[in-house]
Amino acid sequence: MTRSDEVVGVVGPDDHELLQQAEDAADFSAHRAALAEDDGSRVLFDELRAEV
């Protein structure tokens, strides 16, 4: 099945739990990587908007 060019499907509760755990692990990994790359600098929204 497709919807808006995305593949979708129906899964049972056990498979859903496994898929959710895999997605959570990927999210946590991406979060840790982003924290490791953070140099602490920040930009105010007004400054960013002025540049655009």
Protein backbone atom coordinates (compact mmCIF):
# COMPACT_ATOMS: atom_id res chain seq x y z
CA MET A 1 0.00 0.00 0.00
CA THR A 2 1.21 3.50 -0.65
CA ARG A 3 0.11 6.90 0.52
CA SER A 4 1.83 10.11 -0.51
CA ASP A 5 4.77 8.12 -1.91
CA GLU A 6 5.32 6.44 1.47
CA VAL A 7 5.12 2.71 1.94
CA VAL A 8 2.64 1.76 4.64
CA GLY A 9 1.39 -1.54 5.94
CA VAL A 10 -0.45 -3.29 8.72
CA VAL A 11 1.59 -5.09 11.37
CA GLY A 12 0.67 -7.02 14.47
CA PRO A 13 1.31 -5.69 17.97
CA ASP A 14 4.50 -7.74 18.46
CA ASP A 15 6.03 -6.51 15.21
CA HIS A 16 4.91 -2.97 15.98
CA GLU A 17 6.77 -3.09 19.28
CA LEU A 18 9.94 -4.31 17.55
CA LEU A 19 9.67 -1.60 14.90
CA GLN A 20 9.12 1.04 17.60
CA GLN A 21 12.19 -0.15 19.52
CA ALA A 22 14.31 0.00 16.34
CA GLU A 23 13.06 3.51 15.58
CA ASP A 24 13.74 4.64 19.16
CA ALA A 25 17.29 3.23 19.01
CA ALA A 26 17.95 5.13 15.76
CA ASP A 27 16.55 8.33 17.29
CA PHE A 28 18.71 7.98 20.41
CA SER A 29 21.78 7.31 18.29
CA ALA A 30 21.13 10.41 16.17
CA HIS A 31 20.58 12.46 19.33
CA ARG A 32 23.87 11.32 20.86
CA ALA A 33 25.70 12.12 17.61
CA ALA A 34 24.15 15.60 17.50
CA LEU A 35 25.15 16.24 21.11
CA ALA A 36 28.72 15.15 20.35
CA GLU A 37 28.90 17.63 17.45
CA ASP A 38 27.37 20.54 19.42
CA ASP A 39 29.93 23.29 19.94
CA GLY A 40 27.59 25.26 22.23
CA SER A 41 27.10 28.20 19.88
CA ARG A 42 23.56 29.46 19.40
CA VAL A 43 21.87 31.91 17.03
CA LEU A 44 18.89 33.99 18.04
CA PHE A 45 15.84 33.60 15.84
CA ASP A 46 15.79 37.33 15.09
CA GLU A 47 19.40 37.13 13.86
CA LEU A 48 18.62 34.15 11.67
CA ARG A 49 15.52 35.82 10.26
CA ALA A 50 17.53 38.97 9.45
CA GLU A 51 19.93 36.86 7.35
CA VAL A 52 17.16 35.30 5.28
